[in-house]
Amino acid sequence: MKILVCISHVPDTTSKINFVGDGTAFDKGGVQFIINPNDEFGLTRAIWFQQKQQAEVTVITVGDASCEPTLRKCLAIGANRAFRVDLNPTDGYQVAQQLSAHCKEENYDLIIGGRESIDYNGAMVPGMLSALMGYNFVTNCIGLEVEGNTAKAQREIDGGIESVSCQLPLVIGAQKGLVEEKDLIIPNMRGIMQARQKSLTVVPALESEIRSSISKYEKPAPKGAVKMIDANNIDHLIDLLHNEAKVI
């Protein structure tokens, strides 16, 4: 079985975020980047398939050279090879087109992407990729088993869990539950050394269509001061909730 795991190179949520160019660009200075958590859950599940079913695991990202340390970490975790599409993408559709072009050359049985990335929270690339490829698609995936050419998946829905069965090839949107945080693989020294010998191929981007662009970033408005109301002054509290906070 050939598995592709799509990787996003995202800022750590503990990093301080700033914007430059009058709010038109993200300031990467001093920001630590990590594997997108939903992608890492998917990568860990792929490594389990590798260990149990001798699957070949490939990782890919669409980005510039700054993404390569993240791909090297994926190789240290256990991926067999890595690809980087040399492009600074503008939107999710452009990313999906680049991934689709690669997938059509490689004929993967299973494509795993994170349900969404923690930077833009678009939750669009896996679904668009499945549409471009004509593959089955399961998002919010929290369980996956593959036997022969049949995949059995579980996905989180409002109020419960849905079980589905379909034929490969398949695209899934992974999230926590596919594996748990305690199952994530921390690269050891052997894995790090082996990663240096594994293939990381840079491929040129193909001409693609851009359907959206970012005009400006804005930080959330700072929280206002806290108003303390005397416990016995209920009428004043109700007045503030109604006329100022407008929540009642």
Protein backbone atom coordinates (compact mmCIF):
# COMPACT_ATOMS: atom_id res chain seq x y z
CA MET A 1 0.00 0.00 0.00
CA LYS A 2 1.29 3.44 -0.96
CA ILE A 3 0.39 6.21 1.47
CA LEU A 4 0.86 9.96 1.02
CA VAL A 5 0.68 12.25 4.05
CA CYS A 6 0.19 15.94 3.25
CA ILE A 7 2.11 18.13 5.70
CA SER A 8 1.54 21.77 6.64
CA HIS A 9 4.40 23.81 8.10
CA VAL A 10 2.64 25.96 10.72
CA PRO A 11 3.56 28.35 13.56
CA ASP A 12 3.57 26.91 17.06
CA THR A 13 0.54 28.24 18.92
CA THR A 14 2.82 29.46 21.72
CA SER A 15 4.64 31.82 19.33
CA LYS A 16 3.90 35.53 19.40
CA ILE A 17 2.26 36.51 16.11
CA ASN A 18 2.93 39.84 14.40
CA PHE A 19 2.27 41.31 10.97
CA VAL A 20 4.35 43.61 8.78
CA GLY A 21 3.77 45.72 5.70
CA ASP A 22 0.77 47.51 7.20
CA GLY A 23 -0.82 44.19 8.06
CA THR A 24 -0.41 42.63 4.62
CA ALA A 25 2.21 40.00 5.52
CA PHE A 26 2.94 37.58 8.35
CA ASP A 27 6.16 38.25 10.26
CA LYS A 28 8.07 34.95 10.54
CA GLY A 29 10.83 36.44 12.65
CA GLY A 30 11.28 34.62 15.96
CA VAL A 31 8.44 32.20 15.21
CA GLN A 32 8.92 28.47 15.79
CA PHE A 33 7.32 26.24 13.15
CA ILE A 34 6.01 22.71 13.69
CA ILE A 35 4.17 19.93 11.90
CA ASN A 36 0.48 20.78 11.81
CA PRO A 37 -0.99 18.70 14.68
CA ASN A 38 -3.80 17.14 12.60
CA ASP A 39 -1.21 16.16 9.99
CA GLU A 40 0.97 14.60 12.69
CA PHE A 41 -1.94 12.44 13.87
CA GLY A 42 -2.30 11.26 10.27
CA LEU A 43 1.44 10.64 9.87
CA THR A 44 1.51 8.54 13.03
CA ARG A 45 -1.38 6.40 11.73
CA ALA A 46 0.49 5.99 8.43
CA ILE A 47 3.59 4.78 10.30
CA TRP A 48 1.40 2.17 12.02
CA PHE A 49 0.34 0.91 8.59
CA GLN A 50 4.00 0.88 7.63
CA GLN A 51 4.93 -1.23 10.65
CA LYS A 52 1.99 -3.65 10.40
CA GLN A 53 1.37 -3.88 6.65
CA GLN A 54 4.72 -2.81 5.15
CA ALA A 55 3.12 0.27 3.63
CA GLU A 56 5.35 2.83 1.90
CA VAL A 57 4.88 6.27 3.50
CA THR A 58 5.62 9.46 1.58
CA VAL A 59 5.22 13.00 2.92
CA ILE A 60 4.73 16.14 0.87
CA THR A 61 4.37 19.86 1.45
CA VAL A 62 3.82 22.85 -0.79
CA GLY A 63 6.15 25.60 0.37
CA ASP A 64 9.56 27.22 0.22
CA ALA A 65 12.90 25.96 1.57
CA SER A 66 12.00 26.99 5.14
CA CYS A 67 9.65 23.96 5.25
CA GLU A 68 12.43 21.41 4.85
CA PRO A 69 13.25 21.00 8.58
CA THR A 70 9.62 19.98 9.11
CA LEU A 71 9.89 17.42 6.32
CA ARG A 72 13.15 16.11 7.81
CA LYS A 73 11.35 15.61 11.11
CA CYS A 74 8.69 13.59 9.26
CA LEU A 75 11.46 11.43 7.80
CA ALA A 76 12.96 11.00 11.27
CA ILE A 77 9.54 9.90 12.56
CA GLY A 78 9.60 7.13 9.95
CA ALA A 79 8.42 8.33 6.53
CA ASN A 80 10.28 6.66 3.65
CA ARG A 81 10.63 9.70 1.41
CA ALA A 82 9.62 13.34 1.14
CA PHE A 83 8.66 15.83 -1.56
CA ARG A 84 8.54 19.61 -1.47
CA VAL A 85 6.69 21.49 -4.18
CA ASP A 86 8.70 24.69 -4.55
CA LEU A 87 5.97 27.30 -4.23
CA ASN A 88 4.79 29.86 -1.71
CA PRO A 89 1.06 29.13 -2.07
CA THR A 90 -1.61 31.80 -2.06
CA ASP A 91 -4.71 29.76 -1.28
CA GLY A 92 -5.95 26.24 -0.54
CA TYR A 93 -7.12 25.58 -4.09
CA GLN A 94 -3.64 26.27 -5.41
CA VAL A 95 -2.22 23.79 -2.88
CA ALA A 96 -4.78 21.15 -3.87
CA GLN A 97 -3.88 21.54 -7.55
CA GLN A 98 -0.17 21.06 -6.84
CA LEU A 99 -0.87 17.98 -4.70
CA SER A 100 -3.20 16.59 -7.35
CA ALA A 101 -0.51 16.85 -10.03
CA HIS A 102 1.91 14.90 -7.83
CA CYS A 103 -0.67 12.26 -6.89
CA LYS A 104 -1.57 11.58 -10.52
CA GLU A 105 2.06 10.64 -11.14
CA GLU A 106 2.42 8.39 -8.09
CA ASN A 107 -0.97 6.59 -7.83
CA TYR A 108 -1.28 6.47 -4.04
CA ASP A 109 -3.78 4.12 -2.41
CA LEU A 110 -4.35 6.32 0.64
CA ILE A 111 -3.88 10.08 0.96
CA ILE A 112 -3.93 11.53 4.47
CA GLY A 113 -4.24 15.23 5.19
CA GLY A 114 -5.10 17.04 8.38
CA ARG A 115 -8.75 18.00 8.76
CA GLU A 116 -7.53 21.60 8.96
CA SER A 117 -4.34 23.50 9.69
CA ILE A 118 -3.97 25.52 12.87
CA ASP A 119 -2.86 28.68 11.06
CA TYR A 120 -5.72 29.38 8.62
CA ASN A 121 -8.24 26.72 9.74
CA GLY A 122 -9.50 26.50 6.17
CA ALA A 123 -10.43 22.79 6.27
CA MET A 124 -10.53 22.75 2.49
CA VAL A 125 -7.46 21.09 0.95
CA PRO A 126 -8.28 17.37 1.56
CA GLY A 127 -11.81 17.79 0.19
CA MET A 128 -10.66 19.69 -2.89
CA LEU A 129 -7.88 17.17 -3.49
CA SER A 130 -10.36 14.28 -3.39
CA ALA A 131 -12.59 16.10 -5.88
CA LEU A 132 -9.70 16.79 -8.25
CA MET A 133 -8.59 13.14 -8.03
CA GLY A 134 -12.08 11.60 -8.07
CA TYR A 135 -11.27 9.64 -4.89
CA ASN A 136 -13.51 8.73 -1.97
CA PHE A 137 -13.29 11.19 0.93
CA VAL A 138 -13.80 10.91 4.70
CA THR A 139 -13.18 13.97 6.86
CA ASN A 140 -13.08 14.36 10.65
CA CYS A 141 -11.61 10.85 10.59
CA ILE A 142 -10.98 9.28 14.02
CA GLY A 143 -10.57 5.64 13.03
CA LEU A 144 -9.20 3.83 9.98
CA GLU A 145 -8.47 0.22 9.07
CA VAL A 146 -7.51 -1.10 5.64
CA GLU A 147 -7.89 -4.72 4.54
CA GLY A 148 -6.97 -5.43 0.95
CA ASN A 149 -8.72 -2.82 -1.17
CA THR A 150 -11.37 -1.97 1.44
CA ALA A 151 -11.13 0.81 4.01
CA LYS A 152 -13.30 1.03 7.10
CA ALA A 153 -13.33 4.46 8.71
CA GLN A 154 -14.98 6.26 11.57
CA ARG A 155 -15.65 9.96 11.56
CA GLU A 156 -16.85 12.39 14.18
CA ILE A 157 -20.30 13.90 13.53
CA ASP A 158 -22.62 16.06 15.60
CA GLY A 159 -23.78 13.96 18.51
CA GLY A 160 -21.91 10.78 17.67
CA ILE A 161 -19.61 8.73 15.48
CA GLU A 162 -20.37 7.52 11.95
CA SER A 163 -18.85 4.31 10.55
CA VAL A 164 -18.32 4.07 6.79
CA SER A 165 -16.79 1.58 4.37
CA CYS A 166 -15.40 2.31 0.92
CA GLN A 167 -12.90 1.16 -1.67
CA LEU A 168 -9.42 2.54 -2.13
CA PRO A 169 -8.13 4.97 -3.28
CA LEU A 170 -9.22 7.20 -0.42
CA VAL A 171 -8.52 10.67 0.94
CA ILE A 172 -9.06 11.31 4.65
CA GLY A 173 -9.05 14.44 6.79
CA ALA A 174 -7.30 13.31 9.98
CA GLN A 175 -7.78 14.67 13.47
CA LYS A 176 -7.15 13.76 17.10
CA GLY A 177 -8.70 10.37 17.75
CA LEU A 178 -7.16 8.74 14.69
CA VAL A 179 -4.33 8.38 17.19
CA GLU A 180 -4.00 10.04 20.58
CA GLU A 181 -1.37 12.56 21.64
CA LYS A 182 0.37 9.90 23.74
CA ASP A 183 0.87 7.85 20.54
CA LEU A 184 2.79 10.55 18.67
CA ILE A 185 6.30 9.46 17.73
CA ILE A 186 9.23 11.46 19.08
CA PRO A 187 12.23 11.05 16.74
CA ASN A 188 15.17 9.32 18.38
CA MET A 189 18.82 9.71 17.42
CA ARG A 190 18.71 6.71 15.10
CA GLY A 191 15.70 8.14 13.27
CA ILE A 192 17.34 11.54 12.97
CA MET A 193 20.51 10.01 11.51
CA GLN A 194 18.54 7.84 9.08
CA ALA A 195 16.51 10.87 7.96
CA ARG A 196 19.70 12.42 6.57
CA GLN A 197 20.03 9.51 4.15
CA LYS A 198 16.42 9.49 2.97
CA SER A 199 15.20 11.17 -0.19
CA LEU A 200 13.86 14.74 0.01
CA THR A 201 12.98 15.76 -3.52
CA VAL A 202 12.25 19.35 -4.53
CA VAL A 203 9.93 19.57 -7.52
CA PRO A 204 9.02 22.70 -9.46
CA ALA A 205 5.50 24.01 -9.10
CA LEU A 206 3.14 23.66 -12.02
CA GLU A 207 1.05 26.52 -13.34
CA SER A 208 -2.07 26.66 -11.20
CA GLU A 209 -5.18 28.73 -10.70
CA ILE A 210 -5.47 31.17 -7.79
CA ARG A 211 -9.02 31.77 -6.63
CA SER A 212 -8.48 33.85 -3.50
CA SER A 213 -5.86 36.01 -1.84
CA ILE A 214 -5.27 37.66 1.52
CA SER A 215 -5.66 41.42 1.49
CA LYS A 216 -4.86 42.15 5.13
CA TYR A 217 -4.32 40.56 8.55
CA GLU A 218 -5.78 41.98 11.76
CA LYS A 219 -5.27 40.94 15.35
CA PRO A 220 -8.34 40.49 17.55
CA ALA A 221 -9.33 43.60 19.46
CA PRO A 222 -7.83 43.69 22.97
CA LYS A 223 -10.12 42.72 25.78
CA GLY A 224 -11.80 45.60 27.58
CA ALA A 225 -11.44 46.39 31.24
CA VAL A 226 -13.40 44.32 33.73
CA LYS A 227 -16.28 46.13 35.45
CA MET A 228 -17.04 45.09 39.00
CA ILE A 229 -20.70 45.32 39.99
CA ASP A 230 -21.92 45.21 43.57
CA ALA A 231 -23.67 41.92 44.24
CA ASN A 232 -26.73 43.74 45.52
CA ASN A 233 -27.05 46.01 42.47
CA ILE A 234 -28.77 43.52 40.15
CA ASP A 235 -30.63 46.22 38.20
CA HIS A 236 -27.35 47.89 37.19
CA LEU A 237 -25.91 44.53 36.11
CA ILE A 238 -28.94 43.78 33.93
CA ASP A 239 -28.76 47.27 32.42
CA LEU A 240 -25.11 46.77 31.45
CA LEU A 241 -25.72 43.31 30.01
CA HIS A 242 -28.62 44.62 27.96
CA ASN A 243 -27.41 48.05 26.78
CA GLU A 244 -23.61 47.75 26.78
CA ALA A 245 -22.69 44.08 26.34
CA LYS A 246 -25.90 43.44 24.36
CA VAL A 247 -26.06 39.80 25.41
CA ILE A 248 -29.62 39.88 26.73
